[in-house]
PDB file of all heavy atoms in Angstrom:
ATOM      1  N   LEU A   1      11.151   6.559  -1.147  1.00  0.00           N
ATOM      2  CA  LEU A   1      11.276   6.311   0.296  1.00  0.00           C
ATOM      3  C   LEU A   1      12.146   5.012   0.457  1.00  0.00           C
ATOM      4  O   LEU A   1      11.669   3.988   0.848  1.00  0.00           O
ATOM      5  CB  LEU A   1       9.913   6.072   0.930  1.00  0.00           C
ATOM      6  CG  LEU A   1       8.962   7.245   0.920  1.00  0.00           C
ATOM      7  CD1 LEU A   1       7.559   6.887   1.422  1.00  0.00           C
ATOM      8  CD2 LEU A   1       9.467   8.395   1.785  1.00  0.00           C
ATOM      9  N   PRO A   2      13.461   5.162   0.227  1.00  0.00           N
ATOM     10  CA  PRO A   2      14.325   3.995   0.243  1.00  0.00           C
ATOM     11  C   PRO A   2      14.417   3.267   1.626  1.00  0.00           C
ATOM     12  O   PRO A   2      14.800   2.118   1.702  1.00  0.00           O
ATOM     13  CB  PRO A   2      15.680   4.537  -0.218  1.00  0.00           C
ATOM     14  CG  PRO A   2      15.627   5.975   0.017  1.00  0.00           C
ATOM     15  CD  PRO A   2      14.193   6.368  -0.058  1.00  0.00           C
ATOM     16  N   LYS A   3      14.098   3.996   2.718  1.00  0.00           N
ATOM     17  CA  LYS A   3      14.202   3.356   4.038  1.00  0.00           C
ATOM     18  C   LYS A   3      13.088   2.439   4.316  1.00  0.00           C
ATOM     19  O   LYS A   3      13.194   1.569   5.208  1.00  0.00           O
ATOM     20  CB  LYS A   3      14.262   4.466   5.093  1.00  0.00           C
ATOM     21  CG  LYS A   3      15.483   5.302   5.077  1.00  0.00           C
ATOM     22  CD  LYS A   3      15.502   6.307   6.171  1.00  0.00           C
ATOM     23  CE  LYS A   3      16.804   7.187   6.140  1.00  0.00           C
ATOM     24  NZ  LYS A   3      16.825   8.185   7.156  1.00  0.00           N
ATOM     25  N   LEU A   4      11.984   2.472   3.548  1.00  0.00           N
ATOM     26  CA  LEU A   4      10.871   1.568   3.755  1.00  0.00           C
ATOM     27  C   LEU A   4      10.993   0.330   2.863  1.00  0.00           C
ATOM     28  O   LEU A   4      11.415   0.410   1.704  1.00  0.00           O
ATOM     29  CB  LEU A   4       9.537   2.248   3.381  1.00  0.00           C
ATOM     30  CG  LEU A   4       8.976   3.265   4.322  1.00  0.00           C
ATOM     31  CD1 LEU A   4       7.685   3.837   3.748  1.00  0.00           C
ATOM     32  CD2 LEU A   4       8.662   2.621   5.658  1.00  0.00           C
ATOM     33  N   SER A   5      10.701  -0.794   3.456  1.00  0.00           N
ATOM     34  CA  SER A   5      10.736  -2.048   2.684  1.00  0.00           C
ATOM     35  C   SER A   5       9.499  -2.092   1.792  1.00  0.00           C
ATOM     36  O   SER A   5       8.531  -1.440   2.044  1.00  0.00           O
ATOM     37  CB  SER A   5      10.775  -3.238   3.639  1.00  0.00           C
ATOM     38  OG  SER A   5       9.524  -3.404   4.283  1.00  0.00           O
ATOM     39  N   GLU A   6       9.624  -2.916   0.772  1.00  0.00           N
ATOM     40  CA  GLU A   6       8.481  -3.093  -0.142  1.00  0.00           C
ATOM     41  C   GLU A   6       7.304  -3.703   0.608  1.00  0.00           C
ATOM     42  O   GLU A   6       6.163  -3.392   0.255  1.00  0.00           O
ATOM     43  CB  GLU A   6       8.916  -3.875  -1.353  1.00  0.00           C
ATOM     44  CG  GLU A   6       9.813  -3.123  -2.279  1.00  0.00           C
ATOM     45  CD  GLU A   6      10.011  -3.772  -3.623  1.00  0.00           C
ATOM     46  OE1 GLU A   6       9.405  -4.800  -3.908  1.00  0.00           O
ATOM     47  OE2 GLU A   6      10.770  -3.184  -4.435  1.00  0.00           O
ATOM     48  N   ASP A   7       7.549  -4.549   1.564  1.00  0.00           N
ATOM     49  CA  ASP A   7       6.461  -5.118   2.331  1.00  0.00           C
ATOM     50  C   ASP A   7       5.707  -4.043   3.146  1.00  0.00           C
ATOM     51  O   ASP A   7       4.463  -4.054   3.178  1.00  0.00           O
ATOM     52  CB  ASP A   7       6.977  -6.166   3.315  1.00  0.00           C
ATOM     53  CG  ASP A   7       7.483  -7.450   2.590  1.00  0.00           C
ATOM     54  OD1 ASP A   7       6.990  -7.650   1.504  1.00  0.00           O
ATOM     55  OD2 ASP A   7       8.244  -8.179   3.223  1.00  0.00           O
ATOM     56  N   ASN A   8       6.445  -3.098   3.746  1.00  0.00           N
ATOM     57  CA  ASN A   8       5.808  -1.995   4.433  1.00  0.00           C
ATOM     58  C   ASN A   8       5.030  -1.098   3.503  1.00  0.00           C
ATOM     59  O   ASN A   8       3.915  -0.638   3.848  1.00  0.00           O
ATOM     60  CB  ASN A   8       6.844  -1.132   5.198  1.00  0.00           C
ATOM     61  CG  ASN A   8       7.401  -1.822   6.385  1.00  0.00           C
ATOM     62  OD1 ASN A   8       6.834  -2.791   6.885  1.00  0.00           O
ATOM     63  ND2 ASN A   8       8.552  -1.400   6.812  1.00  0.00           N
ATOM     64  N   ILE A   9       5.548  -0.856   2.279  1.00  0.00           N
ATOM     65  CA  ILE A   9       4.830  -0.058   1.301  1.00  0.00           C
ATOM     66  C   ILE A   9       3.543  -0.770   0.902  1.00  0.00           C
ATOM     67  O   ILE A   9       2.495  -0.178   0.812  1.00  0.00           O
ATOM     68  CB  ILE A   9       5.722   0.260   0.087  1.00  0.00           C
ATOM     69  CG1 ILE A   9       6.881   1.163   0.535  1.00  0.00           C
ATOM     70  CG2 ILE A   9       4.940   0.928  -0.996  1.00  0.00           C
ATOM     71  CD1 ILE A   9       7.964   1.298  -0.502  1.00  0.00           C
ATOM     72  N   TYR A  10       3.639  -2.055   0.628  1.00  0.00           N
ATOM     73  CA  TYR A  10       2.492  -2.898   0.306  1.00  0.00           C
ATOM     74  C   TYR A  10       1.433  -2.811   1.397  1.00  0.00           C
ATOM     75  O   TYR A  10       0.234  -2.632   1.131  1.00  0.00           O
ATOM     76  CB  TYR A  10       2.946  -4.315   0.067  1.00  0.00           C
ATOM     77  CG  TYR A  10       1.886  -5.240  -0.436  1.00  0.00           C
ATOM     78  CD1 TYR A  10       1.574  -5.375  -1.811  1.00  0.00           C
ATOM     79  CD2 TYR A  10       1.112  -6.064   0.446  1.00  0.00           C
ATOM     80  CE1 TYR A  10       0.639  -6.232  -2.285  1.00  0.00           C
ATOM     81  CE2 TYR A  10       0.143  -6.908  -0.041  1.00  0.00           C
ATOM     82  CZ  TYR A  10      -0.103  -6.978  -1.381  1.00  0.00           C
ATOM     83  OH  TYR A  10      -1.038  -7.818  -1.843  1.00  0.00           O
ATOM     84  N   GLU A  11       1.876  -2.978   2.644  1.00  0.00           N
ATOM     85  CA  GLU A  11       0.965  -2.883   3.811  1.00  0.00           C
ATOM     86  C   GLU A  11       0.273  -1.507   3.850  1.00  0.00           C
ATOM     87  O   GLU A  11      -0.952  -1.420   4.056  1.00  0.00           O
ATOM     88  CB  GLU A  11       1.749  -3.139   5.071  1.00  0.00           C
ATOM     89  CG  GLU A  11       0.948  -3.100   6.333  1.00  0.00           C
ATOM     90  CD  GLU A  11       1.798  -3.227   7.562  1.00  0.00           C
ATOM     91  OE1 GLU A  11       2.862  -3.918   7.505  1.00  0.00           O
ATOM     92  OE2 GLU A  11       1.455  -2.656   8.607  1.00  0.00           O
ATOM     93  N   SER A  12       1.020  -0.477   3.643  1.00  0.00           N
ATOM     94  CA  SER A  12       0.458   0.891   3.678  1.00  0.00           C
ATOM     95  C   SER A  12      -0.514   1.091   2.526  1.00  0.00           C
ATOM     96  O   SER A  12      -1.564   1.716   2.778  1.00  0.00           O
ATOM     97  CB  SER A  12       1.583   1.922   3.525  1.00  0.00           C
ATOM     98  OG  SER A  12       1.099   3.189   3.622  1.00  0.00           O
ATOM     99  N   MET A  13      -0.239   0.578   1.379  1.00  0.00           N
ATOM    100  CA  MET A  13      -1.159   0.747   0.234  1.00  0.00           C
ATOM    101  C   MET A  13      -2.460  -0.030   0.492  1.00  0.00           C
ATOM    102  O   MET A  13      -3.545   0.422   0.132  1.00  0.00           O
ATOM    103  CB  MET A  13      -0.499   0.243  -1.055  1.00  0.00           C
ATOM    104  CG  MET A  13       0.533   1.236  -1.549  1.00  0.00           C
ATOM    105  SD  MET A  13       1.293   0.688  -3.081  1.00  0.00           S
ATOM    106  CE  MET A  13       2.480   1.992  -3.365  1.00  0.00           C
ATOM    107  N   ASN A  14      -2.368  -1.194   1.108  1.00  0.00           N
ATOM    108  CA  ASN A  14      -3.568  -1.906   1.494  1.00  0.00           C
ATOM    109  C   ASN A  14      -4.379  -1.148   2.539  1.00  0.00           C
ATOM    110  O   ASN A  14      -5.571  -1.117   2.463  1.00  0.00           O
ATOM    111  CB  ASN A  14      -3.189  -3.313   2.075  1.00  0.00           C
ATOM    112  CG  ASN A  14      -2.884  -4.297   0.970  1.00  0.00           C
ATOM    113  OD1 ASN A  14      -3.478  -4.266  -0.078  1.00  0.00           O
ATOM    114  ND2 ASN A  14      -1.961  -5.194   1.264  1.00  0.00           N
ATOM    115  N   TYR A  15      -3.738  -0.472   3.472  1.00  0.00           N
ATOM    116  CA  TYR A  15      -4.405   0.363   4.433  1.00  0.00           C
ATOM    117  C   TYR A  15      -5.089   1.559   3.712  1.00  0.00           C
ATOM    118  O   TYR A  15      -6.243   1.872   4.033  1.00  0.00           O
ATOM    119  CB  TYR A  15      -3.432   0.860   5.490  1.00  0.00           C
ATOM    120  CG  TYR A  15      -4.067   1.817   6.476  1.00  0.00           C
ATOM    121  CD1 TYR A  15      -4.843   1.275   7.557  1.00  0.00           C
ATOM    122  CD2 TYR A  15      -3.945   3.164   6.410  1.00  0.00           C
ATOM    123  CE1 TYR A  15      -5.473   2.095   8.458  1.00  0.00           C
ATOM    124  CE2 TYR A  15      -4.592   4.029   7.295  1.00  0.00           C
ATOM    125  CZ  TYR A  15      -5.324   3.508   8.325  1.00  0.00           C
ATOM    126  OH  TYR A  15      -5.944   4.338   9.202  1.00  0.00           O
ATOM    127  N   LEU A  16      -4.418   2.183   2.774  1.00  0.00           N
ATOM    128  CA  LEU A  16      -4.982   3.324   2.072  1.00  0.00           C
ATOM    129  C   LEU A  16      -6.195   2.827   1.289  1.00  0.00           C
ATOM    130  O   LEU A  16      -7.224   3.560   1.123  1.00  0.00           O
ATOM    131  CB  LEU A  16      -3.966   3.945   1.123  1.00  0.00           C
ATOM    132  CG  LEU A  16      -2.790   4.674   1.800  1.00  0.00           C
ATOM    133  CD1 LEU A  16      -1.730   5.069   0.765  1.00  0.00           C
ATOM    134  CD2 LEU A  16      -3.243   5.836   2.581  1.00  0.00           C
ATOM    135  N   GLU A  17      -6.149   1.590   0.723  1.00  0.00           N
ATOM    136  CA  GLU A  17      -7.319   1.049   0.036  1.00  0.00           C
ATOM    137  C   GLU A  17      -8.437   0.818   1.000  1.00  0.00           C
ATOM    138  O   GLU A  17      -9.590   1.103   0.731  1.00  0.00           O
ATOM    139  CB  GLU A  17      -6.944  -0.218  -0.664  1.00  0.00           C
ATOM    140  CG  GLU A  17      -8.145  -0.768  -1.495  1.00  0.00           C
ATOM    141  CD  GLU A  17      -7.849  -2.077  -2.223  1.00  0.00           C
ATOM    142  OE1 GLU A  17      -7.207  -2.949  -1.678  1.00  0.00           O
ATOM    143  OE2 GLU A  17      -8.338  -2.185  -3.381  1.00  0.00           O
ATOM    144  N   PHE A  18      -8.128   0.267   2.206  1.00  0.00           N
ATOM    145  CA  PHE A  18      -9.171   0.050   3.213  1.00  0.00           C
ATOM    146  C   PHE A  18      -9.897   1.344   3.546  1.00  0.00           C
ATOM    147  O   PHE A  18     -11.056   1.393   3.784  1.00  0.00           O
ATOM    148  CB  PHE A  18      -8.540  -0.592   4.407  1.00  0.00           C
ATOM    149  CG  PHE A  18      -9.405  -0.733   5.628  1.00  0.00           C
ATOM    150  CD1 PHE A  18     -10.416  -1.686   5.630  1.00  0.00           C
ATOM    151  CD2 PHE A  18      -9.285   0.128   6.698  1.00  0.00           C
ATOM    152  CE1 PHE A  18     -11.240  -1.784   6.699  1.00  0.00           C
ATOM    153  CE2 PHE A  18     -10.133   0.044   7.744  1.00  0.00           C
ATOM    154  CZ  PHE A  18     -11.117  -0.896   7.810  1.00  0.00           C
ATOM    155  N   LYS A  19      -9.140   2.433   3.597  1.00  0.00           N
ATOM    156  CA  LYS A  19      -9.719   3.733   3.930  1.00  0.00           C
ATOM    157  C   LYS A  19     -10.416   4.404   2.737  1.00  0.00           C
ATOM    158  O   LYS A  19     -11.024   5.487   2.874  1.00  0.00           O
ATOM    159  CB  LYS A  19      -8.627   4.715   4.449  1.00  0.00           C
ATOM    160  CG  LYS A  19      -8.131   4.310   5.823  1.00  0.00           C
ATOM    161  CD  LYS A  19      -9.196   4.510   6.820  1.00  0.00           C
ATOM    162  CE  LYS A  19      -8.724   4.368   8.231  1.00  0.00           C
ATOM    163  NZ  LYS A  19      -9.711   4.613   9.225  1.00  0.00           N
ATOM    164  N   GLY A  20     -10.353   3.796   1.558  1.00  0.00           N
ATOM    165  CA  GLY A  20     -11.014   4.324   0.387  1.00  0.00           C
ATOM    166  C   GLY A  20     -10.262   5.444  -0.303  1.00  0.00           C
ATOM    167  O   GLY A  20     -10.832   6.142  -1.107  1.00  0.00           O
ATOM    168  N   LEU A  21      -8.979   5.552   0.002  1.00  0.00           N
ATOM    169  CA  LEU A  21      -8.167   6.635  -0.618  1.00  0.00           C
ATOM    170  C   LEU A  21      -7.518   6.191  -1.930  1.00  0.00           C
ATOM    171  O   LEU A  21      -7.206   7.030  -2.766  1.00  0.00           O
ATOM    172  CB  LEU A  21      -7.064   7.050   0.357  1.00  0.00           C
ATOM    173  CG  LEU A  21      -7.598   7.562   1.711  1.00  0.00           C
ATOM    174  CD1 LEU A  21      -6.443   7.837   2.624  1.00  0.00           C
ATOM    175  CD2 LEU A  21      -8.455   8.797   1.562  1.00  0.00           C
ATOM    176  N   VAL A  22      -7.364   4.867  -2.117  1.00  0.00           N
ATOM    177  CA  VAL A  22      -6.828   4.346  -3.385  1.00  0.00           C
ATOM    178  C   VAL A  22      -7.622   3.069  -3.719  1.00  0.00           C
ATOM    179  O   VAL A  22      -8.246   2.465  -2.869  1.00  0.00           O
ATOM    180  CB  VAL A  22      -5.312   4.034  -3.309  1.00  0.00           C
ATOM    181  CG1 VAL A  22      -4.512   5.229  -3.022  1.00  0.00           C
ATOM    182  CG2 VAL A  22      -5.004   2.943  -2.286  1.00  0.00           C
ATOM    183  N   SER A  23      -7.529   2.692  -4.980  1.00  0.00           N
ATOM    184  CA  SER A  23      -8.108   1.401  -5.438  1.00  0.00           C
ATOM    185  C   SER A  23      -6.955   0.630  -6.028  1.00  0.00           C
ATOM    186  O   SER A  23      -6.174   1.123  -6.847  1.00  0.00           O
ATOM    187  CB  SER A  23      -9.207   1.697  -6.526  1.00  0.00           C
ATOM    188  OG  SER A  23      -9.669   0.531  -7.014  1.00  0.00           O
ATOM    189  N   ILE A  24      -6.859  -0.622  -5.660  1.00  0.00           N
ATOM    190  CA  ILE A  24      -5.730  -1.487  -6.040  1.00  0.00           C
ATOM    191  C   ILE A  24      -6.150  -2.581  -6.953  1.00  0.00           C
ATOM    192  O   ILE A  24      -7.160  -3.239  -6.706  1.00  0.00           O
ATOM    193  CB  ILE A  24      -5.004  -2.052  -4.765  1.00  0.00           C
ATOM    194  CG1 ILE A  24      -4.403  -0.922  -3.928  1.00  0.00           C
ATOM    195  CG2 ILE A  24      -4.017  -3.088  -5.152  1.00  0.00           C
ATOM    196  CD1 ILE A  24      -3.840  -1.405  -2.646  1.00  0.00           C
ATOM    197  N   THR A  25      -5.322  -2.885  -8.000  1.00  0.00           N
ATOM    198  CA  THR A  25      -5.508  -4.061  -8.837  1.00  0.00           C
ATOM    199  C   THR A  25      -4.292  -4.942  -8.605  1.00  0.00           C
ATOM    200  O   THR A  25      -3.144  -4.531  -8.785  1.00  0.00           O
ATOM    201  CB  THR A  25      -5.577  -3.686 -10.310  1.00  0.00           C
ATOM    202  OG1 THR A  25      -6.630  -2.763 -10.526  1.00  0.00           O
ATOM    203  CG2 THR A  25      -5.749  -4.887 -11.205  1.00  0.00           C
ATOM    204  N   ILE A  26      -4.537  -6.201  -8.185  1.00  0.00           N
ATOM    205  CA  ILE A  26      -3.406  -7.090  -7.844  1.00  0.00           C
ATOM    206  C   ILE A  26      -3.296  -8.171  -8.948  1.00  0.00           C
ATOM    207  O   ILE A  26      -4.337  -8.699  -9.356  1.00  0.00           O
ATOM    208  CB  ILE A  26      -3.655  -7.747  -6.503  1.00  0.00           C
ATOM    209  CG1 ILE A  26      -3.621  -6.700  -5.381  1.00  0.00           C
ATOM    210  CG2 ILE A  26      -2.629  -8.856  -6.219  1.00  0.00           C
ATOM    211  CD1 ILE A  26      -3.886  -7.220  -4.009  1.00  0.00           C
ATOM    212  N   ALA A  27      -2.085  -8.372  -9.399  1.00  0.00           N
ATOM    213  CA  ALA A  27      -1.821  -9.457 -10.370  1.00  0.00           C
ATOM    214  C   ALA A  27      -0.541 -10.168  -9.935  1.00  0.00           C
ATOM    215  O   ALA A  27       0.421  -9.503  -9.602  1.00  0.00           O
ATOM    216  CB  ALA A  27      -1.675  -8.865 -11.784  1.00  0.00           C
TER     217      ALA A  27
END
């Protein structure tokens, strides 16, 4: 998805984690 910035992808992944659809490990 080259049109999306990495910040938007990061925000979306955090939302997906909030909804319980993914689990994220941050380093």
